[in-house]
């Protein structure tokens, strides 16, 4: 396994600035109202309909890959995701609420339908979902997942 590329100070500063803005958005009263509306909608008790706008395949035009400042294969998706959340809140302004964590879609698989999938990194916690509940014992050797969590902190 190769070691990840070192994080440049300008990349670290950029990600911290974007993460601080996303945390600010996620903690705002407006965002709490959006989250509450979503909960009421799911409980079939909403006062109004949710308006959700998604640019789908236009993200590459809104945030072109060439505009990303991070160079690492791990950091670029984080930068993109944080910029998406800021854009969604400040420009699109629909009822989508922002969450203060990074979403991921990494999988650990044994190639036979068994494995683990992690969905989010939130406040230093890694939330794992077991693909099949009765998985075989895991070889607890060194793996990249722990390194990703360290980098995220």
Protein backbone atom coordinates (compact mmCIF):
# COMPACT_ATOMS: atom_id res chain seq x y z
CA UNK A 1 0.00 0.00 0.00
CA UNK A 2 1.38 3.42 -0.90
CA UNK A 3 1.28 6.29 1.55
CA UNK A 4 -1.08 9.16 0.71
CA UNK A 5 0.50 12.32 -0.68
CA UNK A 6 1.32 14.90 1.99
CA UNK A 7 -1.29 17.58 2.58
CA UNK A 8 0.00 20.97 1.51
CA UNK A 9 -0.58 23.86 3.94
CA UNK A 10 -2.71 25.74 1.37
CA UNK A 11 -4.90 22.64 0.88
CA UNK A 12 -5.33 22.23 4.64
CA UNK A 13 -6.26 25.92 5.01
CA UNK A 14 -8.74 25.74 2.11
CA UNK A 15 -10.46 22.64 3.49
CA UNK A 16 -10.61 24.08 6.99
CA UNK A 17 -12.10 27.33 5.67
CA UNK A 18 -14.72 25.45 3.61
CA UNK A 19 -15.49 23.09 6.52
CA UNK A 20 -15.92 26.06 8.87
CA UNK A 21 -18.38 27.63 6.42
CA UNK A 22 -20.33 24.36 6.09
CA UNK A 23 -20.42 23.99 9.90
CA UNK A 24 -21.70 27.57 10.16
CA UNK A 25 -24.41 26.83 7.59
CA UNK A 26 -25.34 23.54 9.29
CA UNK A 27 -25.70 25.27 12.67
CA UNK A 28 -27.81 28.15 11.39
CA UNK A 29 -31.45 28.69 12.39
CA UNK A 30 -32.44 28.50 8.71
CA UNK A 31 -30.83 25.07 8.39
CA UNK A 32 -32.50 23.83 11.58
CA UNK A 33 -35.85 24.91 10.10
CA UNK A 34 -35.09 22.97 6.90
CA UNK A 35 -34.19 19.88 8.93
CA UNK A 36 -37.38 20.20 10.97
CA UNK A 37 -39.44 20.58 7.79
CA UNK A 38 -37.89 17.38 6.41
CA UNK A 39 -38.71 15.52 9.64
CA UNK A 40 -42.30 16.79 9.57
CA UNK A 41 -42.60 15.84 5.90
CA UNK A 42 -41.39 12.31 6.64
CA UNK A 43 -43.95 12.09 9.46
CA UNK A 44 -46.65 13.37 7.03
CA UNK A 45 -47.18 16.47 9.22
CA UNK A 46 -45.58 19.22 7.11
CA UNK A 47 -47.25 22.62 6.72
CA UNK A 48 -45.92 22.95 3.18
CA UNK A 49 -44.18 20.93 0.51
CA UNK A 50 -40.43 20.70 0.35
CA UNK A 51 -38.76 22.37 -2.62
CA UNK A 52 -35.64 20.45 -3.59
CA UNK A 53 -33.51 21.47 -6.54
CA UNK A 54 -30.61 19.34 -7.72
CA UNK A 55 -28.30 20.34 -10.60
CA UNK A 56 -27.64 16.65 -11.40
CA UNK A 57 -24.94 16.50 -14.09
CA UNK A 58 -24.36 20.25 -14.11
CA UNK A 59 -22.05 20.10 -11.07
CA UNK A 60 -19.04 19.80 -13.36
CA UNK A 61 -20.05 23.14 -14.90
CA UNK A 62 -20.84 24.82 -11.57
CA UNK A 63 -17.61 23.61 -9.94
CA UNK A 64 -15.29 22.66 -12.83
CA UNK A 65 -12.61 20.09 -11.95
CA UNK A 66 -9.99 22.64 -13.03
CA UNK A 67 -11.19 25.04 -10.32
CA UNK A 68 -10.35 22.61 -7.50
CA UNK A 69 -7.23 23.61 -5.59
CA UNK A 70 -6.50 20.29 -3.86
CA UNK A 71 -4.33 17.83 -5.77
CA UNK A 72 -4.65 14.66 -3.68
CA UNK A 73 -7.08 12.02 -4.90
CA UNK A 74 -8.58 11.91 -1.39
CA UNK A 75 -8.80 15.67 -0.79
CA UNK A 76 -10.31 16.67 -4.15
CA UNK A 77 -13.64 14.93 -3.50
CA UNK A 78 -13.77 16.54 -0.04
CA UNK A 79 -13.14 19.99 -1.52
CA UNK A 80 -15.77 19.36 -4.18
CA UNK A 81 -18.32 18.16 -1.62
CA UNK A 82 -17.76 21.15 0.69
CA UNK A 83 -18.01 23.60 -2.23
CA UNK A 84 -21.24 21.88 -3.31
CA UNK A 85 -22.82 22.43 0.11
CA UNK A 86 -21.85 26.09 0.19
CA UNK A 87 -23.15 26.63 -3.35
CA UNK A 88 -26.37 24.74 -2.59
CA UNK A 89 -27.07 26.96 0.41
CA UNK A 90 -25.90 30.31 -0.91
CA UNK A 91 -26.94 30.07 -4.57
CA UNK A 92 -29.63 27.42 -5.08
CA UNK A 93 -31.43 28.19 -1.79
CA UNK A 94 -33.88 25.28 -1.81
CA UNK A 95 -35.07 23.30 1.24
CA UNK A 96 -32.08 20.94 1.28
CA UNK A 97 -30.46 21.03 4.70
CA UNK A 98 -26.68 20.96 5.16
CA UNK A 99 -24.95 18.46 7.44
CA UNK A 100 -21.55 19.02 9.10
CA UNK A 101 -19.87 15.83 7.93
CA UNK A 102 -18.27 14.36 4.84
CA UNK A 103 -20.12 11.70 2.95
CA UNK A 104 -18.27 8.78 1.46
CA UNK A 105 -18.97 5.66 -0.47
CA UNK A 106 -15.99 3.47 0.28
CA UNK A 107 -16.39 -0.27 0.54
CA UNK A 108 -14.32 -3.06 2.01
CA UNK A 109 -15.28 -6.24 0.22
CA UNK A 110 -14.07 -9.79 0.20
CA UNK A 111 -15.47 -10.30 -3.30
CA UNK A 112 -18.08 -12.81 -2.18
CA UNK A 113 -20.92 -10.49 -1.13
CA UNK A 114 -19.47 -9.95 2.33
CA UNK A 115 -17.99 -6.67 3.52
CA UNK A 116 -18.40 -3.26 5.09
CA UNK A 117 -19.45 0.08 3.65
CA UNK A 118 -18.91 3.43 5.34
CA UNK A 119 -21.29 6.27 4.67
CA UNK A 120 -20.14 9.26 6.67
CA UNK A 121 -17.37 10.73 8.72
CA UNK A 122 -19.02 12.86 11.39
CA UNK A 123 -17.23 14.66 14.23
CA UNK A 124 -14.40 12.14 14.10
CA UNK A 125 -16.69 9.10 14.08
CA UNK A 126 -16.86 6.60 11.28
CA UNK A 127 -20.31 5.13 10.72
CA UNK A 128 -20.05 1.64 9.26
CA UNK A 129 -22.87 -0.34 7.74
CA UNK A 130 -22.39 -4.07 7.52
CA UNK A 131 -23.44 -5.27 4.08
CA UNK A 132 -24.48 -8.65 5.43
CA UNK A 133 -25.10 -8.86 9.18
CA UNK A 134 -23.26 -12.15 9.77
CA UNK A 135 -19.92 -11.34 8.14
CA UNK A 136 -16.91 -13.60 8.57
CA UNK A 137 -14.09 -12.50 10.89
CA UNK A 138 -12.14 -9.55 9.51
CA UNK A 139 -8.38 -9.68 9.19
CA UNK A 140 -7.49 -6.71 11.39
CA UNK A 141 -4.25 -5.86 9.59
CA UNK A 142 -3.33 -2.33 8.49
CA UNK A 143 -5.85 -0.73 6.17
CA UNK A 144 -6.39 2.62 4.48
CA UNK A 145 -9.72 3.36 6.20
CA UNK A 146 -8.06 4.30 9.48
CA UNK A 147 -5.67 6.61 7.63
CA UNK A 148 -8.60 8.39 5.93
CA UNK A 149 -10.18 9.08 9.31
CA UNK A 150 -6.85 10.44 10.61
CA UNK A 151 -6.55 12.74 7.60
CA UNK A 152 -10.15 13.96 8.06
CA UNK A 153 -9.47 14.98 11.64
